[in-house]
Protein backbone atom coordinates (compact mmCIF):
# COMPACT_ATOMS: atom_id res chain seq x y z
CA UNK A 1 17.68 202.05 -215.46
CA UNK A 2 17.51 205.84 -215.71
CA UNK A 3 19.65 207.70 -218.17
CA UNK A 4 22.27 209.83 -216.43
CA UNK A 5 22.72 213.07 -218.41
CA UNK A 6 26.07 213.70 -216.70
CA UNK A 7 27.69 210.33 -217.35
CA UNK A 8 29.18 209.60 -220.77
CA UNK A 9 29.94 205.93 -220.21
CA UNK A 10 33.58 206.54 -221.09
CA UNK A 11 36.39 206.42 -218.57
CA UNK A 12 39.39 208.72 -218.21
CA UNK A 13 42.16 208.11 -215.72
CA UNK A 14 42.77 211.02 -213.34
CA UNK A 15 45.03 211.63 -210.38
CA UNK A 16 43.49 212.39 -206.99
CA UNK A 17 45.24 213.28 -203.78
CA UNK A 18 43.53 211.56 -200.88
CA UNK A 19 44.43 211.27 -197.23
CA UNK A 20 46.46 208.10 -196.64
CA UNK A 21 44.40 207.16 -193.59
CA UNK A 22 41.19 207.36 -195.59
CA UNK A 23 42.69 205.20 -198.32
CA UNK A 24 43.93 202.61 -195.81
CA UNK A 25 40.54 202.27 -194.11
CA UNK A 26 38.71 202.13 -197.46
CA UNK A 27 41.01 199.39 -198.73
CA UNK A 28 40.61 197.42 -195.49
CA UNK A 29 36.86 197.62 -195.98
CA UNK A 30 37.19 196.49 -199.59
CA UNK A 31 35.73 199.69 -200.98
CA UNK A 32 36.17 200.72 -204.61
CA UNK A 33 37.68 204.21 -204.43
CA UNK A 34 36.98 204.94 -208.10
CA UNK A 35 33.27 204.16 -207.82
CA UNK A 36 32.87 206.08 -204.57
CA UNK A 37 34.79 209.09 -205.90
CA UNK A 38 32.78 209.12 -209.13
CA UNK A 39 29.48 208.90 -207.25
CA UNK A 40 30.43 211.74 -204.89
CA UNK A 41 31.68 213.97 -207.71
CA UNK A 42 28.58 213.21 -209.77
CA UNK A 43 26.31 214.12 -206.85
CA UNK A 44 28.10 217.43 -206.24
CA UNK A 45 28.09 218.22 -209.98
CA UNK A 46 24.31 217.71 -210.05
CA UNK A 47 23.86 219.94 -207.02
CA UNK A 48 26.02 222.66 -208.60
CA UNK A 49 24.13 222.37 -211.90
CA UNK A 50 20.79 222.60 -210.09
CA UNK A 51 21.89 225.63 -208.05
CA UNK A 52 23.05 227.37 -211.23
CA UNK A 53 19.78 226.57 -213.03
CA UNK A 54 17.76 227.96 -210.10
CA UNK A 55 19.87 231.12 -210.02
CA UNK A 56 19.71 231.56 -213.81
CA UNK A 57 15.91 231.10 -213.73
CA UNK A 58 15.21 232.89 -210.44
CA UNK A 59 13.15 235.65 -212.07
CA UNK A 60 11.02 233.21 -214.08
CA UNK A 61 10.40 231.05 -211.00
CA UNK A 62 9.30 234.09 -208.97
CA UNK A 63 7.00 235.27 -211.78
CA UNK A 64 5.50 231.79 -212.14
CA UNK A 65 4.90 231.53 -208.40
CA UNK A 66 3.20 234.95 -208.39
CA UNK A 67 0.99 233.85 -211.30
CA UNK A 68 -0.03 230.65 -209.49
CA UNK A 69 -0.77 232.60 -206.29
CA UNK A 70 -3.00 234.96 -208.27
CA UNK A 71 -4.66 232.47 -210.63
CA UNK A 72 -4.29 229.09 -208.93
CA UNK A 73 -3.07 225.95 -210.64
CA UNK A 74 -4.25 225.72 -214.26
CA UNK A 75 -5.70 222.19 -213.99
CA UNK A 76 -6.57 222.23 -210.30
CA UNK A 77 -10.22 221.29 -210.90
CA UNK A 78 -9.03 217.91 -212.29
CA UNK A 79 -6.90 217.00 -209.27
CA UNK A 80 -8.02 213.90 -207.40
CA UNK A 81 -6.39 214.89 -204.12
């Protein structure tokens, strides 16, 4: 099992406002709203964190890509594919 750097393992009750129709259909289907909500929020939090990292490191990424275009991959001669 992979370690999730976002999850703490602790639980905190929160209030969410959800559409009543969505709740009714989810309950009919036997879905766990807490688990689904947590998974969706976790996914969006990861995406936001990744977007921020890419923006914060945009200059370094561009410089690295230019270096690789000029010099090639450092260990390319050892690649088996």
